[in-house]
Amino acid sequence: MLFTNYSTSEFSITIRNAAVDFNFPPRRGTGIARHLTNCSPDAIDLINHLCIYDPDHRISAHHALQHPY
């Protein structure tokens, strides 16, 4: 176990109770592609889909594994 001070049940309760409602102000990004100049367009597309903050709009693990990259 990674955290030796907690039992599994204590750790999961601690994590659940520590849920924080993050409310970040909207910001316009510059795009990750400008930092990944040696990546293929498919790689950049996958990274963009993985980095979506809202989990309802983020690509699922199942769909990520089916991505063309």
PDB file of N, CA and C in Angstrom:
ATOM      1  N   MET A   1       0.849  -1.181   0.000  1.00  0.00           N
ATOM      2  CA  MET A   1       0.000   0.000   0.000  1.00  0.00           C
ATOM      3  C   MET A   1       0.889   1.237   0.000  1.00  0.00           C
ATOM      4  N   LEU A   2       0.525   2.206  -0.788  1.00  0.00           N
ATOM      5  CA  LEU A   2       1.335   3.401  -0.954  1.00  0.00           C
ATOM      6  C   LEU A   2       1.345   4.270   0.296  1.00  0.00           C
ATOM      7  N   PHE A   3       0.192   4.442   0.936  1.00  0.00           N
ATOM      8  CA  PHE A   3       0.095   5.284   2.125  1.00  0.00           C
ATOM      9  C   PHE A   3      -0.026   4.373   3.334  1.00  0.00           C
ATOM     10  N   THR A   4       1.055   4.178   4.036  1.00  0.00           N
ATOM     11  CA  THR A   4       1.080   3.191   5.110  1.00  0.00           C
ATOM     12  C   THR A   4       0.385   3.657   6.379  1.00  0.00           C
ATOM     13  N   ASN A   5       0.073   4.935   6.524  1.00  0.00           N
ATOM     14  CA  ASN A   5      -0.591   5.430   7.730  1.00  0.00           C
ATOM     15  C   ASN A   5      -2.097   5.203   7.696  1.00  0.00           C
ATOM     16  N   TYR A   6      -2.645   4.763   6.585  1.00  0.00           N
ATOM     17  CA  TYR A   6      -4.085   4.600   6.434  1.00  0.00           C
ATOM     18  C   TYR A   6      -4.417   3.168   6.031  1.00  0.00           C
ATOM     19  N   SER A   7      -5.544   2.673   6.553  1.00  0.00           N
ATOM     20  CA  SER A   7      -6.077   1.438   5.985  1.00  0.00           C
ATOM     21  C   SER A   7      -6.796   1.835   4.694  1.00  0.00           C
ATOM     22  N   THR A   8      -7.123   0.871   3.880  1.00  0.00           N
ATOM     23  CA  THR A   8      -7.787   1.170   2.609  1.00  0.00           C
ATOM     24  C   THR A   8      -9.107   1.884   2.838  1.00  0.00           C
ATOM     25  N   SER A   9      -9.904   1.423   3.793  1.00  0.00           N
ATOM     26  CA  SER A   9     -11.204   2.056   4.039  1.00  0.00           C
ATOM     27  C   SER A   9     -11.036   3.461   4.607  1.00  0.00           C
ATOM     28  N   GLU A  10     -10.088   3.660   5.517  1.00  0.00           N
ATOM     29  CA  GLU A  10      -9.841   5.002   6.057  1.00  0.00           C
ATOM     30  C   GLU A  10      -9.395   5.951   4.957  1.00  0.00           C
ATOM     31  N   PHE A  11      -8.549   5.463   4.087  1.00  0.00           N
ATOM     32  CA  PHE A  11      -8.034   6.305   3.012  1.00  0.00           C
ATOM     33  C   PHE A  11      -9.153   6.711   2.061  1.00  0.00           C
ATOM     34  N   SER A  12     -10.009   5.765   1.677  1.00  0.00           N
ATOM     35  CA  SER A  12     -11.092   6.102   0.751  1.00  0.00           C
ATOM     36  C   SER A  12     -12.081   7.069   1.384  1.00  0.00           C
ATOM     37  N   ILE A  13     -12.352   6.946   2.666  1.00  0.00           N
ATOM     38  CA  ILE A  13     -13.238   7.893   3.354  1.00  0.00           C
ATOM     39  C   ILE A  13     -12.593   9.269   3.400  1.00  0.00           C
ATOM     40  N   THR A  14     -11.306   9.330   3.675  1.00  0.00           N
ATOM     41  CA  THR A  14     -10.591  10.607   3.708  1.00  0.00           C
ATOM     42  C   THR A  14     -10.644  11.289   2.352  1.00  0.00           C
ATOM     43  N   ILE A  15     -10.421  10.545   1.300  1.00  0.00           N
ATOM     44  CA  ILE A  15     -10.459  11.110  -0.053  1.00  0.00           C
ATOM     45  C   ILE A  15     -11.862  11.617  -0.372  1.00  0.00           C
ATOM     46  N   ARG A  16     -12.888  10.830  -0.069  1.00  0.00           N
ATOM     47  CA  ARG A  16     -14.268  11.242  -0.342  1.00  0.00           C
ATOM     48  C   ARG A  16     -14.621  12.514   0.419  1.00  0.00           C
ATOM     49  N   ASN A  17     -14.230  12.612   1.680  1.00  0.00           N
ATOM     50  CA  ASN A  17     -14.544  13.781   2.494  1.00  0.00           C
ATOM     51  C   ASN A  17     -13.752  15.005   2.074  1.00  0.00           C
ATOM     52  N   ALA A  18     -12.651  14.808   1.393  1.00  0.00           N
ATOM     53  CA  ALA A  18     -11.803  15.926   0.985  1.00  0.00           C
ATOM     54  C   ALA A  18     -12.198  16.477  -0.380  1.00  0.00           C
ATOM     55  N   ALA A  19     -13.288  15.989  -0.940  1.00  0.00           N
ATOM     56  CA  ALA A  19     -13.715  16.462  -2.263  1.00  0.00           C
ATOM     57  C   ALA A  19     -13.918  17.970  -2.218  1.00  0.00           C
ATOM     58  N   VAL A  20     -13.289  18.647  -3.139  1.00  0.00           N
ATOM     59  CA  VAL A  20     -13.341  20.102  -3.193  1.00  0.00           C
ATOM     60  C   VAL A  20     -14.011  20.504  -4.497  1.00  0.00           C
ATOM     61  N   ASP A  21     -14.869  21.498  -4.411  1.00  0.00           N
ATOM     62  CA  ASP A  21     -15.522  22.008  -5.616  1.00  0.00           C
ATOM     63  C   ASP A  21     -14.646  23.102  -6.198  1.00  0.00           C
ATOM     64  N   PHE A  22     -13.786  22.727  -7.149  1.00  0.00           N
ATOM     65  CA  PHE A  22     -12.910  23.700  -7.782  1.00  0.00           C
ATOM     66  C   PHE A  22     -13.728  24.549  -8.735  1.00  0.00           C
ATOM     67  N   ASN A  23     -13.544  25.839  -8.642  1.00  0.00           N
ATOM     68  CA  ASN A  23     -14.266  26.754  -9.511  1.00  0.00           C
ATOM     69  C   ASN A  23     -13.248  27.705 -10.120  1.00  0.00           C
ATOM     70  N   PHE A  24     -12.621  27.273 -11.201  1.00  0.00           N
ATOM     71  CA  PHE A  24     -11.594  28.079 -11.840  1.00  0.00           C
ATOM     72  C   PHE A  24     -12.237  29.072 -12.799  1.00  0.00           C
ATOM     73  N   PRO A  25     -11.727  30.292 -12.849  1.00  0.00           N
ATOM     74  CA  PRO A  25     -12.264  31.250 -13.814  1.00  0.00           C
ATOM     75  C   PRO A  25     -11.890  30.825 -15.232  1.00  0.00           C
ATOM     76  N   PRO A  26     -12.766  31.105 -16.192  1.00  0.00           N
ATOM     77  CA  PRO A  26     -12.443  30.747 -17.583  1.00  0.00           C
ATOM     78  C   PRO A  26     -11.212  31.494 -18.074  1.00  0.00           C
ATOM     79  N   ARG A  27     -10.351  30.795 -18.752  1.00  0.00           N
ATOM     80  CA  ARG A  27      -9.142  31.387 -19.342  1.00  0.00           C
ATOM     81  C   ARG A  27      -9.014  30.896 -20.770  1.00  0.00           C
ATOM     82  N   ARG A  28      -8.549  31.744 -21.626  1.00  0.00           N
ATOM     83  CA  ARG A  28      -8.306  31.334 -23.006  1.00  0.00           C
ATOM     84  C   ARG A  28      -6.867  30.829 -23.084  1.00  0.00           C
ATOM     85  N   GLY A  29      -6.713  29.593 -23.497  1.00  0.00           N
ATOM     86  CA  GLY A  29      -5.387  28.993 -23.581  1.00  0.00           C
ATOM     87  C   GLY A  29      -4.685  29.333 -24.880  1.00  0.00           C
ATOM     88  N   THR A  30      -3.438  28.950 -24.943  1.00  0.00           N
ATOM     89  CA  THR A  30      -2.658  29.175 -26.163  1.00  0.00           C
ATOM     90  C   THR A  30      -2.601  27.924 -27.019  1.00  0.00           C
ATOM     91  N   GLY A  31      -3.053  26.817 -26.487  1.00  0.00           N
ATOM     92  CA  GLY A  31      -3.028  25.558 -27.226  1.00  0.00           C
ATOM     93  C   GLY A  31      -1.758  24.785 -26.935  1.00  0.00           C
ATOM     94  N   ILE A  32      -1.927  23.505 -26.722  1.00  0.00           N
ATOM     95  CA  ILE A  32      -0.785  22.662 -26.375  1.00  0.00           C
ATOM     96  C   ILE A  32       0.090  22.367 -27.588  1.00  0.00           C
ATOM     97  N   ALA A  33      -0.471  22.478 -28.777  1.00  0.00           N
ATOM     98  CA  ALA A  33       0.269  22.147 -30.001  1.00  0.00           C
ATOM     99  C   ALA A  33       1.520  23.000 -30.161  1.00  0.00           C
ATOM    100  N   ARG A  34       1.475  24.221 -29.685  1.00  0.00           N
ATOM    101  CA  ARG A  34       2.659  25.077 -29.840  1.00  0.00           C
ATOM    102  C   ARG A  34       3.838  24.596 -28.999  1.00  0.00           C
ATOM    103  N   HIS A  35       3.577  23.779 -27.995  1.00  0.00           N
ATOM    104  CA  HIS A  35       4.641  23.226 -27.146  1.00  0.00           C
ATOM    105  C   HIS A  35       5.068  21.831 -27.601  1.00  0.00           C
ATOM    106  N   LEU A  36       4.289  21.229 -28.470  1.00  0.00           N
ATOM    107  CA  LEU A  36       4.560  19.859 -28.920  1.00  0.00           C
ATOM    108  C   LEU A  36       4.856  19.857 -30.419  1.00  0.00           C
ATOM    109  N   THR A  37       5.889  20.541 -30.781  1.00  0.00           N
ATOM    110  CA  THR A  37       6.190  20.749 -32.200  1.00  0.00           C
ATOM    111  C   THR A  37       6.631  19.479 -32.923  1.00  0.00           C
ATOM    112  N   ASN A  38       7.075  18.470 -32.194  1.00  0.00           N
ATOM    113  CA  ASN A  38       7.535  17.230 -32.832  1.00  0.00           C
ATOM    114  C   ASN A  38       6.498  16.113 -32.782  1.00  0.00           C
ATOM    115  N   CYS A  39       5.275  16.440 -32.383  1.00  0.00           N
ATOM    116  CA  CYS A  39       4.225  15.422 -32.272  1.00  0.00           C
ATOM    117  C   CYS A  39       3.351  15.405 -33.519  1.00  0.00           C
ATOM    118  N   SER A  40       2.829  14.242 -33.804  1.00  0.00           N
ATOM    119  CA  SER A  40       1.914  14.098 -34.940  1.00  0.00           C
ATOM    120  C   SER A  40       0.574  14.755 -34.603  1.00  0.00           C
ATOM    121  N   PRO A  41      -0.189  15.129 -35.611  1.00  0.00           N
ATOM    122  CA  PRO A  41      -1.521  15.697 -35.362  1.00  0.00           C
ATOM    123  C   PRO A  41      -2.423  14.751 -34.564  1.00  0.00           C
ATOM    124  N   ASP A  42      -2.308  13.437 -34.805  1.00  0.00           N
ATOM    125  CA  ASP A  42      -3.104  12.482 -34.027  1.00  0.00           C
ATOM    126  C   ASP A  42      -2.710  12.490 -32.553  1.00  0.00           C
ATOM    127  N   ALA A  43      -1.420  12.599 -32.260  1.00  0.00           N
ATOM    128  CA  ALA A  43      -0.959  12.654 -30.869  1.00  0.00           C
ATOM    129  C   ALA A  43      -1.491  13.908 -30.189  1.00  0.00           C
ATOM    130  N   ILE A  44      -1.428  15.030 -30.865  1.00  0.00           N
ATOM    131  CA  ILE A  44      -1.922  16.288 -30.299  1.00  0.00           C
ATOM    132  C   ILE A  44      -3.425  16.211 -30.075  1.00  0.00           C
ATOM    133  N   ASP A  45      -4.148  15.612 -31.009  1.00  0.00           N
ATOM    134  CA  ASP A  45      -5.593  15.459 -30.853  1.00  0.00           C
ATOM    135  C   ASP A  45      -5.925  14.621 -29.622  1.00  0.00           C
ATOM    136  N   LEU A  46      -5.216  13.511 -29.432  1.00  0.00           N
ATOM    137  CA  LEU A  46      -5.449  12.661 -28.263  1.00  0.00           C
ATOM    138  C   LEU A  46      -5.134  13.416 -26.977  1.00  0.00           C
ATOM    139  N   ILE A  47      -4.013  14.108 -26.929  1.00  0.00           N
ATOM    140  CA  ILE A  47      -3.643  14.872 -25.733  1.00  0.00           C
ATOM    141  C   ILE A  47      -4.696  15.929 -25.436  1.00  0.00           C
ATOM    142  N   ASN A  48      -5.169  16.627 -26.468  1.00  0.00           N
ATOM    143  CA  ASN A  48      -6.225  17.626 -26.263  1.00  0.00           C
ATOM    144  C   ASN A  48      -7.474  16.999 -25.661  1.00  0.00           C
ATOM    145  N   HIS A  49      -7.852  15.825 -26.146  1.00  0.00           N
ATOM    146  CA  HIS A  49      -9.036  15.156 -25.611  1.00  0.00           C
ATOM    147  C   HIS A  49      -8.816  14.659 -24.177  1.00  0.00           C
ATOM    148  N   LEU A  50      -7.602  14.252 -23.848  1.00  0.00           N
ATOM    149  CA  LEU A  50      -7.296  13.780 -22.495  1.00  0.00           C
ATOM    150  C   LEU A  50      -7.231  14.916 -21.481  1.00  0.00           C
ATOM    151  N   CYS A  51      -6.921  16.118 -21.940  1.00  0.00           N
ATOM    152  CA  CYS A  51      -6.718  17.264 -21.043  1.00  0.00           C
ATOM    153  C   CYS A  51      -7.975  18.098 -20.820  1.00  0.00           C
ATOM    154  N   ILE A  52      -9.100  17.667 -21.341  1.00  0.00           N
ATOM    155  CA  ILE A  52     -10.343  18.411 -21.112  1.00  0.00           C
ATOM    156  C   ILE A  52     -10.683  18.318 -19.633  1.00  0.00           C
ATOM    157  N   TYR A  53     -10.901  19.470 -19.002  1.00  0.00           N
ATOM    158  CA  TYR A  53     -11.111  19.525 -17.551  1.00  0.00           C
ATOM    159  C   TYR A  53     -12.414  18.846 -17.130  1.00  0.00           C
ATOM    160  N   ASP A  54     -13.498  19.113 -17.822  1.00  0.00           N
ATOM    161  CA  ASP A  54     -14.809  18.570 -17.463  1.00  0.00           C
ATOM    162  C   ASP A  54     -14.854  17.075 -17.797  1.00  0.00           C
ATOM    163  N   PRO A  55     -14.996  16.222 -16.786  1.00  0.00           N
ATOM    164  CA  PRO A  55     -14.980  14.781 -17.045  1.00  0.00           C
ATOM    165  C   PRO A  55     -16.126  14.314 -17.941  1.00  0.00           C
ATOM    166  N   ASP A  56     -17.225  15.065 -17.990  1.00  0.00           N
ATOM    167  CA  ASP A  56     -18.333  14.695 -18.867  1.00  0.00           C
ATOM    168  C   ASP A  56     -17.985  14.907 -20.333  1.00  0.00           C
ATOM    169  N   HIS A  57     -17.015  15.769 -20.607  1.00  0.00           N
ATOM    170  CA  HIS A  57     -16.605  16.057 -21.977  1.00  0.00           C
ATOM    171  C   HIS A  57     -15.252  15.427 -22.337  1.00  0.00           C
ATOM    172  N   ARG A  58     -14.509  14.936 -21.330  1.00  0.00           N
ATOM    173  CA  ARG A  58     -13.203  14.324 -21.550  1.00  0.00           C
ATOM    174  C   ARG A  58     -13.373  12.949 -22.202  1.00  0.00           C
ATOM    175  N   ILE A  59     -12.427  12.555 -23.005  1.00  0.00           N
ATOM    176  CA  ILE A  59     -12.461  11.249 -23.659  1.00  0.00           C
ATOM    177  C   ILE A  59     -12.359  10.147 -22.600  1.00  0.00           C
ATOM    178  N   SER A  60     -13.115   9.082 -22.791  1.00  0.00           N
ATOM    179  CA  SER A  60     -13.056   7.963 -21.851  1.00  0.00           C
ATOM    180  C   SER A  60     -11.810   7.124 -22.135  1.00  0.00           C
ATOM    181  N   ALA A  61     -11.432   6.307 -21.175  1.00  0.00           N
ATOM    182  CA  ALA A  61     -10.277   5.421 -21.366  1.00  0.00           C
ATOM    183  C   ALA A  61     -10.536   4.476 -22.535  1.00  0.00           C
ATOM    184  N   HIS A  62     -11.755   3.982 -22.626  1.00  0.00           N
ATOM    185  CA  HIS A  62     -12.111   3.071 -23.716  1.00  0.00           C
ATOM    186  C   HIS A  62     -11.920   3.744 -25.074  1.00  0.00           C
ATOM    187  N   HIS A  63     -12.434   4.965 -25.213  1.00  0.00           N
ATOM    188  CA  HIS A  63     -12.298   5.675 -26.485  1.00  0.00           C
ATOM    189  C   HIS A  63     -10.854   6.120 -26.730  1.00  0.00           C
ATOM    190  N   ALA A  64     -10.141   6.451 -25.668  1.00  0.00           N
ATOM    191  CA  ALA A  64      -8.736   6.848 -25.836  1.00  0.00           C
ATOM    192  C   ALA A  64      -7.916   5.689 -26.404  1.00  0.00           C
ATOM    193  N   LEU A  65      -8.201   4.482 -25.953  1.00  0.00           N
ATOM    194  CA  LEU A  65      -7.478   3.313 -26.462  1.00  0.00           C
ATOM    195  C   LEU A  65      -7.833   2.997 -27.911  1.00  0.00           C
ATOM    196  N   GLN A  66      -8.959   3.501 -28.383  1.00  0.00           N
ATOM    197  CA  GLN A  66      -9.362   3.291 -29.774  1.00  0.00           C
ATOM    198  C   GLN A  66      -8.936   4.449 -30.671  1.00  0.00           C
ATOM    199  N   HIS A  67      -8.330   5.475 -30.094  1.00  0.00           N
ATOM    200  CA  HIS A  67      -7.918   6.657 -30.865  1.00  0.00           C
ATOM    201  C   HIS A  67      -6.893   6.249 -31.929  1.00  0.00           C
ATOM    202  N   PRO A  68      -6.927   6.885 -33.098  1.00  0.00           N
ATOM    203  CA  PRO A  68      -5.989   6.520 -34.174  1.00  0.00           C
ATOM    204  C   PRO A  68      -4.513   6.642 -33.806  1.00  0.00           C
ATOM    205  N   TYR A  69      -4.173   7.506 -32.831  1.00  0.00           N
ATOM    206  CA  TYR A  69      -2.771   7.645 -32.474  1.00  0.00           C
ATOM    207  C   TYR A  69      -2.253   6.331 -31.937  1.00  0.00           C
TER     208      TYR A  69
END
